[in-house]
Amino acid sequence: MVLTGGCLCGAVRYRIDGELTAEGAGFCHCGLCRRASGAPVVAWGTWRAADFRFTDGRPAEYLSSPKGVRRFCPACGTQLTFNYTEGPETVDVTLATLDDPNAVAPQHHSWCAAAVPALDASADLPRYAQGGSDFTPY
């Protein structure tokens, strides 16, 4: 599997040459991921660190907990990766930053005890193909 991706502004790019690890891909509902992304849930895929490399730009790093480092674009702020400070030699990559975000499908949910209840409650809300009912495209 060869995958590429990057941040919103294009300053930081990456390449993955390998298959998902046994951890696979999933949705994380933990509070740290919510705050780091500004979203109620984050989809991640886990690869061997040796199969991942940044190809353009240099991400900034933030030690979000004693156990993990998050890397993000210093220009636009897009969260790109998470690495454990100790333990497995893996890298978690935000699936939404893949050039083809449909290339990897999440297979599980984690940290469900911390999930935002409104996310499940939103299943019955109206859905729009582009924006809301009074949305003016920019």
C-alpha atoms as a PDB file:
ATOM      1  CA  MET A   1       0.000   0.000   0.000  1.00  0.00           C
ATOM      2  CA  VAL A   2       1.335   3.436  -0.952  1.00  0.00           C
ATOM      3  CA  LEU A   3      -0.544   6.405   0.456  1.00  0.00           C
ATOM      4  CA  THR A   4       0.202  10.116   0.453  1.00  0.00           C
ATOM      5  CA  GLY A   5      -1.278  13.011   2.313  1.00  0.00           C
ATOM      6  CA  GLY A   6      -0.703  16.340   3.920  1.00  0.00           C
ATOM      7  CA  CYS A   7      -2.049  19.374   5.674  1.00  0.00           C
ATOM      8  CA  LEU A   8      -4.641  21.933   4.585  1.00  0.00           C
ATOM      9  CA  CYS A   9      -2.154  24.499   3.265  1.00  0.00           C
ATOM     10  CA  GLY A  10       0.162  21.944   1.610  1.00  0.00           C
ATOM     11  CA  ALA A  11       3.276  22.954   3.556  1.00  0.00           C
ATOM     12  CA  VAL A  12       3.692  19.500   5.159  1.00  0.00           C
ATOM     13  CA  ARG A  13       3.346  16.317   3.114  1.00  0.00           C
ATOM     14  CA  TYR A  14       3.888  12.640   3.951  1.00  0.00           C
ATOM     15  CA  ARG A  15       4.100   9.207   2.351  1.00  0.00           C
ATOM     16  CA  ILE A  16       3.221   5.762   3.704  1.00  0.00           C
ATOM     17  CA  ASP A  17       4.759   2.652   2.107  1.00  0.00           C
ATOM     18  CA  GLY A  18       3.221  -0.279   3.941  1.00  0.00           C
ATOM     19  CA  GLU A  19       0.158  -1.959   5.336  1.00  0.00           C
ATOM     20  CA  LEU A  20      -1.820  -1.055   8.432  1.00  0.00           C
ATOM     21  CA  THR A  21      -0.624  -2.739  11.613  1.00  0.00           C
ATOM     22  CA  ALA A  22      -2.827  -5.120  13.597  1.00  0.00           C
ATOM     23  CA  GLU A  23      -4.284  -2.062  15.366  1.00  0.00           C
ATOM     24  CA  GLY A  24      -5.796  -1.098  12.012  1.00  0.00           C
ATOM     25  CA  ALA A  25      -7.861   2.040  11.684  1.00  0.00           C
ATOM     26  CA  GLY A  26     -10.549   3.434  13.919  1.00  0.00           C
ATOM     27  CA  PHE A  27     -12.406   6.372  15.361  1.00  0.00           C
ATOM     28  CA  CYS A  28     -10.989   7.800  18.607  1.00  0.00           C
ATOM     29  CA  HIS A  29     -13.363   9.564  20.989  1.00  0.00           C
ATOM     30  CA  CYS A  30     -10.840  10.519  23.703  1.00  0.00           C
ATOM     31  CA  GLY A  31     -10.720  14.035  25.101  1.00  0.00           C
ATOM     32  CA  LEU A  32      -7.149  14.632  23.929  1.00  0.00           C
ATOM     33  CA  CYS A  33      -8.021  13.873  20.302  1.00  0.00           C
ATOM     34  CA  ARG A  34     -11.150  16.043  20.541  1.00  0.00           C
ATOM     35  CA  ARG A  35      -9.209  19.028  21.846  1.00  0.00           C
ATOM     36  CA  ALA A  36      -6.273  18.587  19.456  1.00  0.00           C
ATOM     37  CA  SER A  37      -8.566  18.428  16.420  1.00  0.00           C
ATOM     38  CA  GLY A  38     -11.495  20.572  17.477  1.00  0.00           C
ATOM     39  CA  ALA A  39     -13.776  17.733  16.342  1.00  0.00           C
ATOM     40  CA  PRO A  40     -15.983  15.296  18.297  1.00  0.00           C
ATOM     41  CA  VAL A  41     -14.101  12.265  16.915  1.00  0.00           C
ATOM     42  CA  VAL A  42     -10.885  11.607  14.948  1.00  0.00           C
ATOM     43  CA  ALA A  43     -10.273   8.759  12.490  1.00  0.00           C
ATOM     44  CA  TRP A  44      -6.748   7.294  12.735  1.00  0.00           C
ATOM     45  CA  GLY A  45      -4.810   4.566  10.970  1.00  0.00           C
ATOM     46  CA  THR A  46      -1.767   2.878  12.524  1.00  0.00           C
ATOM     47  CA  TRP A  47       1.334   1.975  10.498  1.00  0.00           C
ATOM     48  CA  ARG A  48       4.852   0.883  11.367  1.00  0.00           C
ATOM     49  CA  ALA A  49       6.966   4.000  11.931  1.00  0.00           C
ATOM     50  CA  ALA A  50       9.505   2.640   9.420  1.00  0.00           C
ATOM     51  CA  ASP A  51       6.793   2.770   6.702  1.00  0.00           C
ATOM     52  CA  PHE A  52       6.023   6.474   7.239  1.00  0.00           C
ATOM     53  CA  ARG A  53       7.998   9.589   6.321  1.00  0.00           C
ATOM     54  CA  PHE A  54       7.437  13.294   5.881  1.00  0.00           C
ATOM     55  CA  THR A  55       8.312  14.264   2.307  1.00  0.00           C
ATOM     56  CA  ASP A  56       7.827  18.051   2.350  1.00  0.00           C
ATOM     57  CA  GLY A  57       7.966  20.580   5.139  1.00  0.00           C
ATOM     58  CA  ARG A  58       8.676  20.017   8.778  1.00  0.00           C
ATOM     59  CA  PRO A  59       5.833  19.489  11.246  1.00  0.00           C
ATOM     60  CA  ALA A  60       5.726  21.062  14.676  1.00  0.00           C
ATOM     61  CA  GLU A  61       5.513  18.749  17.695  1.00  0.00           C
ATOM     62  CA  TYR A  62       3.453  18.893  20.857  1.00  0.00           C
ATOM     63  CA  LEU A  63       3.790  16.517  23.808  1.00  0.00           C
ATOM     64  CA  SER A  64       0.056  16.159  24.432  1.00  0.00           C
ATOM     65  CA  SER A  65       0.544  13.726  27.320  1.00  0.00           C
ATOM     66  CA  PRO A  66       3.479  11.920  28.917  1.00  0.00           C
ATOM     67  CA  LYS A  67       2.676   9.034  26.551  1.00  0.00           C
ATOM     68  CA  GLY A  68       2.329  10.771  23.192  1.00  0.00           C
ATOM     69  CA  VAL A  69       3.614  13.327  20.717  1.00  0.00           C
ATOM     70  CA  ARG A  70       1.323  14.938  18.167  1.00  0.00           C
ATOM     71  CA  ARG A  71       2.713  16.425  14.974  1.00  0.00           C
ATOM     72  CA  PHE A  72       0.917  19.153  13.072  1.00  0.00           C
ATOM     73  CA  CYS A  73       1.518  21.773  10.411  1.00  0.00           C
ATOM     74  CA  PRO A  74       3.067  24.886  11.967  1.00  0.00           C
ATOM     75  CA  ALA A  75       1.409  27.079   9.315  1.00  0.00           C
ATOM     76  CA  CYS A  76      -2.219  25.890   9.190  1.00  0.00           C
ATOM     77  CA  GLY A  77      -2.446  23.738  12.331  1.00  0.00           C
ATOM     78  CA  THR A  78      -3.651  20.514  10.706  1.00  0.00           C
ATOM     79  CA  GLN A  79      -3.084  17.569  13.061  1.00  0.00           C
ATOM     80  CA  LEU A  80      -1.208  14.891  11.121  1.00  0.00           C
ATOM     81  CA  THR A  81       0.256  12.183  13.376  1.00  0.00           C
ATOM     82  CA  PHE A  82       0.517  10.736  16.863  1.00  0.00           C
ATOM     83  CA  ASN A  83       3.473   8.709  18.160  1.00  0.00           C
ATOM     84  CA  TYR A  84       3.911   7.032  21.532  1.00  0.00           C
ATOM     85  CA  THR A  85       6.941   8.295  23.463  1.00  0.00           C
ATOM     86  CA  GLU A  86       7.590   4.730  24.656  1.00  0.00           C
ATOM     87  CA  GLY A  87       6.291   1.452  23.359  1.00  0.00           C
ATOM     88  CA  PRO A  88       5.393   0.399  19.847  1.00  0.00           C
ATOM     89  CA  GLU A  89       7.369   1.749  16.891  1.00  0.00           C
ATOM     90  CA  THR A  90       4.195   2.886  15.170  1.00  0.00           C
ATOM     91  CA  VAL A  91       2.699   6.094  13.864  1.00  0.00           C
ATOM     92  CA  ASP A  92      -0.979   6.962  13.929  1.00  0.00           C
ATOM     93  CA  VAL A  93      -2.009   9.087  10.943  1.00  0.00           C
ATOM     94  CA  THR A  94      -5.195  11.143  10.723  1.00  0.00           C
ATOM     95  CA  LEU A  95      -7.161   9.518   7.919  1.00  0.00           C
ATOM     96  CA  ALA A  96      -8.797  12.800   6.892  1.00  0.00           C
ATOM     97  CA  THR A  97      -5.372  14.101   5.813  1.00  0.00           C
ATOM     98  CA  LEU A  98      -4.847  11.320   3.261  1.00  0.00           C
ATOM     99  CA  ASP A  99      -5.045  12.502  -0.347  1.00  0.00           C
ATOM    100  CA  ASP A 100      -7.682   9.777  -0.729  1.00  0.00           C
ATOM    101  CA  PRO A 101      -9.429   9.668   2.663  1.00  0.00           C
ATOM    102  CA  ASN A 102     -11.554   6.767   1.417  1.00  0.00           C
ATOM    103  CA  ALA A 103      -8.483   4.562   0.923  1.00  0.00           C
ATOM    104  CA  VAL A 104      -8.604   3.360   4.539  1.00  0.00           C
ATOM    105  CA  ALA A 105     -11.889   2.563   6.265  1.00  0.00           C
ATOM    106  CA  PRO A 106     -12.113   2.731  10.066  1.00  0.00           C
ATOM    107  CA  GLN A 107     -12.926  -0.649  11.598  1.00  0.00           C
ATOM    108  CA  HIS A 108     -13.595   0.202  15.246  1.00  0.00           C
ATOM    109  CA  HIS A 109     -14.295   2.907  17.840  1.00  0.00           C
ATOM    110  CA  SER A 110     -12.041   3.504  20.849  1.00  0.00           C
ATOM    111  CA  TRP A 111     -12.397   5.527  24.054  1.00  0.00           C
ATOM    112  CA  CYS A 112     -16.186   5.272  23.725  1.00  0.00           C
ATOM    113  CA  ALA A 113     -16.643   6.066  27.417  1.00  0.00           C
ATOM    114  CA  ALA A 114     -15.464   9.598  26.575  1.00  0.00           C
ATOM    115  CA  ALA A 115     -17.632   9.989  23.458  1.00  0.00           C
ATOM    116  CA  VAL A 116     -19.672  13.171  22.982  1.00  0.00           C
ATOM    117  CA  PRO A 117     -23.316  12.088  23.480  1.00  0.00           C
ATOM    118  CA  ALA A 118     -24.556  14.586  20.865  1.00  0.00           C
ATOM    119  CA  LEU A 119     -22.688  12.668  18.161  1.00  0.00           C
ATOM    120  CA  ASP A 120     -24.969   9.619  18.484  1.00  0.00           C
ATOM    121  CA  ALA A 121     -28.004  11.835  18.992  1.00  0.00           C
ATOM    122  CA  SER A 122     -27.268  13.564  15.681  1.00  0.00           C
ATOM    123  CA  ALA A 123     -28.212  10.500  13.617  1.00  0.00           C
ATOM    124  CA  ASP A 124     -31.750  11.843  13.082  1.00  0.00           C
ATOM    125  CA  LEU A 125     -30.747  15.422  12.152  1.00  0.00           C
ATOM    126  CA  PRO A 126     -31.285  16.689   8.581  1.00  0.00           C
ATOM    127  CA  ARG A 127     -28.370  16.055   6.191  1.00  0.00           C
ATOM    128  CA  TYR A 128     -27.306  18.334   3.335  1.00  0.00           C
ATOM    129  CA  ALA A 129     -25.029  17.415   0.433  1.00  0.00           C
ATOM    130  CA  GLN A 130     -23.307  20.822   0.647  1.00  0.00           C
ATOM    131  CA  GLY A 131     -23.618  23.076   3.684  1.00  0.00           C
ATOM    132  CA  GLY A 132     -26.967  23.820   5.325  1.00  0.00           C
ATOM    133  CA  SER A 133     -30.316  24.710   3.788  1.00  0.00           C
ATOM    134  CA  ASP A 134     -29.394  28.404   3.605  1.00  0.00           C
ATOM    135  CA  PHE A 135     -25.695  27.836   2.830  1.00  0.00           C
ATOM    136  CA  THR A 136     -24.030  30.259   0.443  1.00  0.00           C
ATOM    137  CA  PRO A 137     -20.908  28.711  -1.104  1.00  0.00           C
ATOM    138  CA  TYR A 138     -17.702  30.727  -0.831  1.00  0.00           C
END
